[in-house]
C-alpha atoms as a PDB file:
ATOM      1  CA  UNK A   1       2.458  -6.648   0.173  1.00  0.00           C
ATOM      2  CA  UNK A   2       3.033  -6.814   3.852  1.00  0.00           C
ATOM      3  CA  UNK A   3       2.551  -9.909   5.982  1.00  0.00           C
ATOM      4  CA  UNK A   4       2.549 -10.331   9.759  1.00  0.00           C
ATOM      5  CA  UNK A   5       3.256 -13.824  11.080  1.00  0.00           C
ATOM      6  CA  UNK A   6       2.910 -14.728  14.753  1.00  0.00           C
ATOM      7  CA  UNK A   7       4.770 -17.637  16.389  1.00  0.00           C
ATOM      8  CA  UNK A   8       5.381 -19.010  19.867  1.00  0.00           C
ATOM      9  CA  UNK A   9       1.901 -19.959  20.876  1.00  0.00           C
ATOM     10  CA  UNK A  10       1.139 -23.263  22.575  1.00  0.00           C
ATOM     11  CA  UNK A  11      -0.071 -25.107  25.658  1.00  0.00           C
ATOM     12  CA  UNK A  12       1.298 -24.148  29.045  1.00  0.00           C
ATOM     13  CA  UNK A  13       0.265 -24.775  32.677  1.00  0.00           C
ATOM     14  CA  UNK A  14      -0.998 -21.993  34.863  1.00  0.00           C
ATOM     15  CA  UNK A  15       1.927 -20.030  36.294  1.00  0.00           C
ATOM     16  CA  UNK A  16       4.082 -20.712  33.262  1.00  0.00           C
ATOM     17  CA  UNK A  17       5.496 -18.434  30.642  1.00  0.00           C
ATOM     18  CA  UNK A  18       5.437 -18.049  26.865  1.00  0.00           C
ATOM     19  CA  UNK A  19       7.001 -15.644  24.463  1.00  0.00           C
ATOM     20  CA  UNK A  20       5.166 -14.685  21.292  1.00  0.00           C
ATOM     21  CA  UNK A  21       6.849 -13.167  18.242  1.00  0.00           C
ATOM     22  CA  UNK A  22       5.367 -11.396  15.271  1.00  0.00           C
ATOM     23  CA  UNK A  23       7.573 -10.683  12.244  1.00  0.00           C
ATOM     24  CA  UNK A  24       6.515  -8.238   9.565  1.00  0.00           C
ATOM     25  CA  UNK A  25       7.825  -8.892   6.049  1.00  0.00           C
ATOM     26  CA  UNK A  26       7.370  -7.485   2.562  1.00  0.00           C
ATOM     27  CA  UNK A  27       7.644  -3.937   1.293  1.00  0.00           C
ATOM     28  CA  UNK A  28       8.331  -2.020   4.517  1.00  0.00           C
ATOM     29  CA  UNK A  29       9.712   1.509   4.782  1.00  0.00           C
ATOM     30  CA  UNK A  30       8.863   2.066   8.438  1.00  0.00           C
ATOM     31  CA  UNK A  31       6.496   0.780  11.106  1.00  0.00           C
ATOM     32  CA  UNK A  32       4.619   3.039  13.580  1.00  0.00           C
ATOM     33  CA  UNK A  33       2.557   1.479  16.350  1.00  0.00           C
ATOM     34  CA  UNK A  34       2.635  -2.317  16.978  1.00  0.00           C
ATOM     35  CA  UNK A  35       0.154  -4.052  19.222  1.00  0.00           C
ATOM     36  CA  UNK A  36      -0.949  -7.335  20.627  1.00  0.00           C
ATOM     37  CA  UNK A  37      -4.628  -8.158  20.975  1.00  0.00           C
ATOM     38  CA  UNK A  38      -6.382 -11.335  22.000  1.00  0.00           C
ATOM     39  CA  UNK A  39      -9.723 -12.971  21.397  1.00  0.00           C
ATOM     40  CA  UNK A  40     -11.101 -15.734  23.534  1.00  0.00           C
ATOM     41  CA  UNK A  41     -13.976 -18.008  22.365  1.00  0.00           C
ATOM     42  CA  UNK A  42     -17.274 -16.157  22.564  1.00  0.00           C
ATOM     43  CA  UNK A  43     -15.631 -12.915  23.642  1.00  0.00           C
ATOM     44  CA  UNK A  44     -14.798  -9.648  21.901  1.00  0.00           C
ATOM     45  CA  UNK A  45     -11.288  -8.899  20.810  1.00  0.00           C
ATOM     46  CA  UNK A  46      -9.285  -7.194  23.596  1.00  0.00           C
ATOM     47  CA  UNK A  47      -6.254  -4.917  23.182  1.00  0.00           C
ATOM     48  CA  UNK A  48      -3.490  -6.324  25.424  1.00  0.00           C
ATOM     49  CA  UNK A  49      -0.403  -4.202  24.806  1.00  0.00           C
ATOM     50  CA  UNK A  50       0.893  -1.372  22.623  1.00  0.00           C
ATOM     51  CA  UNK A  51       4.381  -0.168  21.727  1.00  0.00           C
ATOM     52  CA  UNK A  52       5.252   2.900  19.680  1.00  0.00           C
ATOM     53  CA  UNK A  53       8.270   3.127  17.351  1.00  0.00           C
ATOM     54  CA  UNK A  54       9.949   5.133  20.111  1.00  0.00           C
ATOM     55  CA  UNK A  55       9.454   2.294  22.592  1.00  0.00           C
ATOM     56  CA  UNK A  56       6.668   3.733  24.702  1.00  0.00           C
ATOM     57  CA  UNK A  57       4.370   0.961  26.021  1.00  0.00           C
ATOM     58  CA  UNK A  58       0.870   0.587  27.392  1.00  0.00           C
ATOM     59  CA  UNK A  59      -0.913  -2.464  28.885  1.00  0.00           C
ATOM     60  CA  UNK A  60      -4.444  -3.562  29.590  1.00  0.00           C
ATOM     61  CA  UNK A  61      -5.122  -3.812  33.316  1.00  0.00           C
ATOM     62  CA  UNK A  62      -5.533  -7.639  33.303  1.00  0.00           C
ATOM     63  CA  UNK A  63      -1.933  -8.136  32.113  1.00  0.00           C
ATOM     64  CA  UNK A  64      -0.085  -5.327  33.844  1.00  0.00           C
ATOM     65  CA  UNK A  65       2.896  -6.632  35.710  1.00  0.00           C
ATOM     66  CA  UNK A  66       2.760 -10.026  33.974  1.00  0.00           C
ATOM     67  CA  UNK A  67       3.213  -9.264  30.275  1.00  0.00           C
ATOM     68  CA  UNK A  68       5.947  -7.249  28.534  1.00  0.00           C
ATOM     69  CA  UNK A  69       5.800  -5.967  24.976  1.00  0.00           C
ATOM     70  CA  UNK A  70       9.040  -5.163  23.118  1.00  0.00           C
ATOM     71  CA  UNK A  71      10.217  -4.690  19.570  1.00  0.00           C
ATOM     72  CA  UNK A  72      13.265  -5.040  17.362  1.00  0.00           C
ATOM     73  CA  UNK A  73      12.993  -2.360  14.727  1.00  0.00           C
ATOM     74  CA  UNK A  74      15.886  -3.728  12.750  1.00  0.00           C
ATOM     75  CA  UNK A  75      14.017  -7.056  12.425  1.00  0.00           C
ATOM     76  CA  UNK A  76      10.504  -5.522  12.091  1.00  0.00           C
ATOM     77  CA  UNK A  77       9.456  -7.769  14.904  1.00  0.00           C
ATOM     78  CA  UNK A  78       7.351  -7.292  18.007  1.00  0.00           C
ATOM     79  CA  UNK A  79       7.416  -9.619  21.018  1.00  0.00           C
ATOM     80  CA  UNK A  80       5.093 -10.380  23.906  1.00  0.00           C
ATOM     81  CA  UNK A  81       6.668 -11.988  26.991  1.00  0.00           C
ATOM     82  CA  UNK A  82       3.876 -13.562  29.044  1.00  0.00           C
ATOM     83  CA  UNK A  83       4.637 -14.599  32.638  1.00  0.00           C
ATOM     84  CA  UNK A  84       2.477 -15.964  35.459  1.00  0.00           C
ATOM     85  CA  UNK A  85      -0.060 -17.104  32.934  1.00  0.00           C
ATOM     86  CA  UNK A  86      -3.633 -17.790  34.057  1.00  0.00           C
ATOM     87  CA  UNK A  87      -6.347 -19.952  32.467  1.00  0.00           C
ATOM     88  CA  UNK A  88      -8.237 -16.741  31.589  1.00  0.00           C
ATOM     89  CA  UNK A  89      -5.300 -15.732  29.327  1.00  0.00           C
ATOM     90  CA  UNK A  90      -6.349 -18.518  26.936  1.00  0.00           C
ATOM     91  CA  UNK A  91      -7.072 -16.923  23.607  1.00  0.00           C
ATOM     92  CA  UNK A  92      -5.900 -16.379  20.057  1.00  0.00           C
ATOM     93  CA  UNK A  93      -3.243 -13.660  20.181  1.00  0.00           C
ATOM     94  CA  UNK A  94      -3.058 -11.365  17.152  1.00  0.00           C
ATOM     95  CA  UNK A  95      -0.452  -8.758  16.258  1.00  0.00           C
ATOM     96  CA  UNK A  96      -1.098  -5.515  14.525  1.00  0.00           C
ATOM     97  CA  UNK A  97       1.221  -3.003  12.831  1.00  0.00           C
ATOM     98  CA  UNK A  98       0.855   0.339  11.102  1.00  0.00           C
ATOM     99  CA  UNK A  99       3.215   0.116   8.127  1.00  0.00           C
ATOM    100  CA  UNK A 100       4.514   2.743   5.701  1.00  0.00           C
ATOM    101  CA  UNK A 101       5.492   1.020   2.511  1.00  0.00           C
ATOM    102  CA  UNK A 102       7.489   3.909   1.069  1.00  0.00           C
ATOM    103  CA  UNK A 103       8.311   7.487   1.964  1.00  0.00           C
ATOM    104  CA  UNK A 104       5.256   8.866   0.198  1.00  0.00           C
ATOM    105  CA  UNK A 105       2.682   6.371   1.435  1.00  0.00           C
ATOM    106  CA  UNK A 106       0.485   6.668   4.501  1.00  0.00           C
ATOM    107  CA  UNK A 107       0.649   4.304   7.436  1.00  0.00           C
ATOM    108  CA  UNK A 108      -1.602   1.334   6.614  1.00  0.00           C
ATOM    109  CA  UNK A 109      -2.921  -1.152   9.224  1.00  0.00           C
ATOM    110  CA  UNK A 110      -2.094  -4.887   8.951  1.00  0.00           C
ATOM    111  CA  UNK A 111      -3.114  -7.790  11.154  1.00  0.00           C
ATOM    112  CA  UNK A 112      -1.542 -11.266  11.576  1.00  0.00           C
ATOM    113  CA  UNK A 113      -3.623 -14.410  11.552  1.00  0.00           C
ATOM    114  CA  UNK A 114      -3.054 -15.153  15.225  1.00  0.00           C
ATOM    115  CA  UNK A 115      -1.342 -17.622  17.524  1.00  0.00           C
ATOM    116  CA  UNK A 116      -3.306 -19.808  19.938  1.00  0.00           C
ATOM    117  CA  UNK A 117      -2.259 -19.719  23.586  1.00  0.00           C
ATOM    118  CA  UNK A 118      -3.891 -22.265  25.915  1.00  0.00           C
ATOM    119  CA  UNK A 119      -3.323 -22.092  29.638  1.00  0.00           C
ATOM    120  CA  UNK A 120      -4.374 -25.207  31.587  1.00  0.00           C
ATOM    121  CA  UNK A 121      -5.328 -25.113  35.264  1.00  0.00           C
END
């Protein structure tokens, strides 16, 4: 089995910063794409940032210039550095990874359970 566990969420004032981490554990041969998404109350899930195993990144327009996604392949961990936070960034942040469990298996999608980020005005 593979598990993704997010950490680093919490309460922060507008203008502040937080760093989220998501560690993948279990039977892992390699990880392809890793992403961060978020879901605010009453809203649809929104893709925030993407990073490939080669380090190429992509961001949603609302977070460009404020958020940075990175990964440590040796630790099977993806990070999201969030700066200049706004109240509208309040949401549950979820990580996602495409994991190959052995050389012969396909990449399989996995989701974490999420970390709550609350930005007060």
